[in-house]
Amino acid sequence: MDNKWYVSFEVEGPAAMFTRPDTGSAPVSYAGPTFSAAKGMFEAVAHLKSAYIRPTKVEICAPLKFHRYVTNYGGPLRKNSQITGGDSYQLAATILVNVCYRVYGVVEPCGDSPQGNNHLHGLQEIFTRRLQKGQCFYPPCLGWKEFVPSYFGPFRDGTEVDRSVNLTIPSMLHSAFDSPTRGKRAANYRQAVEIRQGVLEYA
């Protein structure tokens, strides 16, 4: 008997950016969300101290379309002269446009339930209820914070996986931390990650 507690959602948006760290100062997006990005979207809806949702796979439901994007960056990674002068840095990137994904996950424990009840089933129920009502703790995003979805919710009728998407990503960022919860910063990667018939599975 399968005692796992599964959850899922569909997300669509005009733009997405799941940055490949190996592309340097003119970043390029991966074809789909990283494990961390998918986990962040789950956590935007529901989370507990004793359990979390582990992303298992993503289905690409729209043709891959890359587009050049330029924005003015005003953060701390600018040169000292730019910071003192109050100048922005013009950042060029290659993003995805008109994306749609279906993301799947499974509820996993990361501690003991404080009430001794089935906290895994509880998190599944909380997530499903909040997703259906459109409730979030913070706005989910498609990678970069400014790329908010045009749709975020349960699966919709008519959405189909784009089976024409087949590619291998030589090295893909999996997570920026060494643990799925309360981890320390330590980027880890997966090698030769395959997207087959529109499906990316997280190892």
Protein backbone atom coordinates (compact mmCIF):
# COMPACT_ATOMS: atom_id res chain seq x y z
CA MET A 1 0.00 0.00 0.00
CA ASP A 2 1.28 3.46 -0.94
CA ASN A 3 1.26 5.63 2.20
CA LYS A 4 2.64 8.68 0.41
CA TRP A 5 0.76 11.97 0.37
CA TYR A 6 0.91 13.61 -3.06
CA VAL A 7 0.20 17.19 -4.14
CA SER A 8 0.43 19.11 -7.40
CA PHE A 9 -0.32 22.43 -9.07
CA GLU A 10 -0.33 24.10 -12.46
CA VAL A 11 1.42 27.40 -13.10
CA GLU A 12 1.43 29.64 -16.16
CA GLY A 13 3.02 33.01 -16.81
CA PRO A 14 4.27 35.43 -19.45
CA ALA A 15 7.91 35.16 -18.30
CA ALA A 16 10.18 32.88 -16.26
CA MET A 17 13.84 32.81 -15.30
CA PHE A 18 15.45 29.77 -13.67
CA THR A 19 19.04 30.93 -13.79
CA ARG A 20 21.86 28.70 -14.96
CA PRO A 21 24.83 29.72 -12.75
CA ASP A 22 27.28 28.66 -15.46
CA THR A 23 26.07 31.41 -17.81
CA GLY A 24 27.79 34.23 -15.92
CA SER A 25 26.93 37.93 -16.12
CA ALA A 26 24.42 37.46 -18.97
CA PRO A 27 22.39 34.63 -17.43
CA VAL A 28 20.31 32.13 -19.37
CA SER A 29 17.32 30.23 -18.00
CA TYR A 30 17.01 26.49 -17.66
CA ALA A 31 14.11 24.98 -19.61
CA GLY A 32 12.21 24.25 -16.41
CA PRO A 33 12.16 25.08 -12.72
CA THR A 34 15.00 23.91 -10.52
CA PHE A 35 14.17 21.74 -7.51
CA SER A 36 14.54 24.81 -5.25
CA ALA A 37 12.27 26.95 -7.44
CA ALA A 38 9.55 24.29 -7.45
CA LYS A 39 9.88 23.81 -3.69
CA GLY A 40 9.52 27.57 -3.19
CA MET A 41 6.25 27.59 -5.13
CA PHE A 42 4.88 24.77 -2.96
CA GLU A 43 5.92 26.64 0.19
CA ALA A 44 4.20 29.79 -1.00
CA VAL A 45 0.94 27.92 -0.46
CA ALA A 46 1.56 25.78 2.63
CA HIS A 47 4.34 24.64 4.95
CA LEU A 48 4.84 23.18 8.41
CA LYS A 49 7.82 23.05 10.76
CA SER A 50 7.58 19.26 10.92
CA ALA A 51 6.93 18.48 7.22
CA TYR A 52 7.69 19.83 3.77
CA ILE A 53 6.72 19.16 0.16
CA ARG A 54 9.48 17.60 -1.93
CA PRO A 55 9.11 18.28 -5.66
CA THR A 56 9.28 15.06 -7.69
CA LYS A 57 8.77 16.11 -11.29
CA VAL A 58 7.60 18.88 -13.61
CA GLU A 59 5.77 18.62 -16.90
CA ILE A 60 6.44 21.24 -19.56
CA CYS A 61 3.06 22.20 -21.02
CA ALA A 62 4.02 24.94 -23.49
CA PRO A 63 6.62 25.18 -26.27
CA LEU A 64 10.02 26.42 -25.07
CA LYS A 65 10.48 30.02 -26.20
CA PHE A 66 13.58 31.98 -25.15
CA HIS A 67 13.66 35.77 -25.31
CA ARG A 68 16.23 38.49 -24.64
CA TYR A 69 15.43 40.56 -21.55
CA VAL A 70 17.16 43.64 -20.17
CA THR A 71 16.58 45.14 -16.73
CA ASN A 72 18.25 47.71 -14.49
CA TYR A 73 19.82 46.08 -11.44
CA GLY A 74 20.25 48.19 -8.32
CA GLY A 75 21.36 45.58 -5.79
CA PRO A 76 24.52 45.02 -3.73
CA LEU A 77 26.41 43.15 -6.46
CA ARG A 78 27.12 46.36 -8.37
CA LYS A 79 30.59 47.87 -8.51
CA ASN A 80 31.48 50.21 -5.62
CA SER A 81 31.52 53.19 -7.96
CA GLN A 82 28.00 52.37 -9.13
CA ILE A 83 26.75 52.01 -5.57
CA THR A 84 28.28 55.28 -4.37
CA GLY A 85 27.06 57.08 -7.48
CA GLY A 86 23.58 55.67 -7.17
CA ASP A 87 23.86 54.10 -10.62
CA SER A 88 22.11 50.95 -11.77
CA TYR A 89 23.71 48.10 -13.66
CA GLN A 90 22.06 47.09 -16.91
CA LEU A 91 21.59 43.33 -16.77
CA ALA A 92 20.94 41.37 -19.96
CA ALA A 93 19.42 37.90 -19.69
CA THR A 94 17.82 35.19 -21.79
CA ILE A 95 14.50 34.26 -20.24
CA LEU A 96 11.58 31.98 -21.08
CA VAL A 97 8.30 33.48 -22.30
CA ASN A 98 4.74 32.13 -22.25
CA VAL A 99 5.47 29.20 -19.97
CA CYS A 100 3.15 26.61 -18.46
CA TYR A 101 4.14 23.82 -16.07
CA ARG A 102 2.49 21.12 -14.03
CA VAL A 103 4.50 20.45 -10.86
CA TYR A 104 4.21 17.34 -8.69
CA GLY A 105 5.39 16.76 -5.13
CA VAL A 106 5.19 14.42 -2.16
CA VAL A 107 4.91 15.38 1.50
CA GLU A 108 7.95 14.34 3.57
CA PRO A 109 8.69 14.62 7.31
CA CYS A 110 11.45 16.88 8.62
CA GLY A 111 10.62 16.46 12.30
CA ASP A 112 8.10 14.91 14.67
CA SER A 113 4.52 16.06 14.62
CA PRO A 114 4.05 18.29 17.70
CA GLN A 115 0.50 16.96 18.25
CA GLY A 116 1.32 13.36 17.38
CA ASN A 117 -1.20 13.31 14.53
CA ASN A 118 -0.65 12.57 10.83
CA HIS A 119 1.07 15.82 9.94
CA LEU A 120 1.93 14.55 6.44
CA HIS A 121 -1.73 14.07 5.54
CA GLY A 122 -2.43 17.34 7.31
CA LEU A 123 -0.01 19.28 5.10
CA GLN A 124 -1.50 17.65 2.01
CA GLU A 125 -4.99 18.75 3.08
CA ILE A 126 -3.86 22.28 3.93
CA PHE A 127 -2.06 22.65 0.60
CA THR A 128 -4.99 21.36 -1.44
CA ARG A 129 -7.52 23.54 0.35
CA ARG A 130 -5.45 26.72 0.11
CA LEU A 131 -4.57 26.10 -3.55
CA GLN A 132 -8.23 25.71 -4.47
CA LYS A 133 -9.08 28.95 -2.63
CA GLY A 134 -6.17 30.85 -4.17
CA GLN A 135 -4.56 31.50 -0.78
CA CYS A 136 -0.79 32.03 -0.46
CA PHE A 137 1.57 33.21 2.27
CA TYR A 138 3.51 35.20 -0.35
CA PRO A 139 3.19 35.57 -4.13
CA PRO A 140 4.68 32.59 -5.96
CA CYS A 141 7.15 33.45 -8.71
CA LEU A 142 8.59 31.83 -11.80
CA GLY A 143 12.23 32.11 -10.75
CA TRP A 144 12.85 35.85 -10.46
CA LYS A 145 10.51 37.62 -8.05
CA GLU A 146 9.20 40.01 -10.72
CA PHE A 147 7.97 37.11 -12.85
CA VAL A 148 4.62 36.37 -11.23
CA PRO A 149 2.20 33.81 -12.68
CA SER A 150 -0.91 34.66 -14.65
CA TYR A 151 -2.38 31.39 -13.35
CA PHE A 152 -1.48 29.38 -10.26
CA GLY A 153 -3.83 26.69 -9.05
CA PRO A 154 -5.22 23.18 -9.60
CA PHE A 155 -4.79 21.39 -12.93
CA ARG A 156 -6.98 22.79 -15.71
CA ASP A 157 -8.82 20.80 -18.33
CA GLY A 158 -7.18 21.18 -21.71
CA THR A 159 -3.60 21.57 -20.49
CA GLU A 160 -1.36 19.02 -22.19
CA VAL A 161 2.30 18.06 -21.84
CA ASP A 162 4.48 19.15 -24.77
CA ARG A 163 5.89 15.73 -25.69
CA SER A 164 8.19 17.29 -28.30
CA VAL A 165 10.56 18.62 -25.61
CA ASN A 166 13.55 16.27 -25.39
CA LEU A 167 16.93 17.51 -24.19
CA THR A 168 19.80 16.82 -21.81
CA ILE A 169 21.09 19.48 -19.41
CA PRO A 170 24.81 18.76 -18.76
CA SER A 171 24.73 20.21 -15.24
CA MET A 172 21.67 21.57 -13.43
CA LEU A 173 21.48 23.36 -10.10
CA HIS A 174 19.41 21.21 -7.78
CA SER A 175 19.40 23.21 -4.55
CA ALA A 176 21.30 26.11 -3.03
CA PHE A 177 21.27 24.44 0.41
CA ASP A 178 22.62 21.21 1.90
CA SER A 179 19.27 20.19 3.40
CA PRO A 180 15.65 20.56 2.26
CA THR A 181 14.79 22.38 5.50
CA ARG A 182 16.89 24.61 7.76
CA GLY A 183 19.95 23.92 5.60
CA LYS A 184 23.19 25.82 5.20
CA ARG A 185 24.15 27.47 1.94
CA ALA A 186 25.90 24.84 -0.19
CA ALA A 187 24.92 24.63 -3.85
CA ASN A 188 24.61 21.13 -5.25
CA TYR A 189 24.12 20.04 -8.83
CA ARG A 190 22.80 17.08 -10.82
CA GLN A 191 24.68 15.92 -13.91
CA ALA A 192 23.22 14.92 -17.29
CA VAL A 193 19.65 15.82 -16.30
CA GLU A 194 17.21 14.64 -18.96
CA ILE A 195 13.91 16.10 -20.07
CA ARG A 196 12.10 13.35 -21.95
CA GLN A 197 8.82 13.91 -23.74
CA GLY A 198 8.30 17.09 -21.77
CA VAL A 199 8.93 15.58 -18.33
CA LEU A 200 11.74 16.62 -15.96
CA GLU A 201 12.16 14.35 -12.94
CA TYR A 202 14.04 15.54 -9.86
CA ALA A 203 16.44 12.86 -8.61
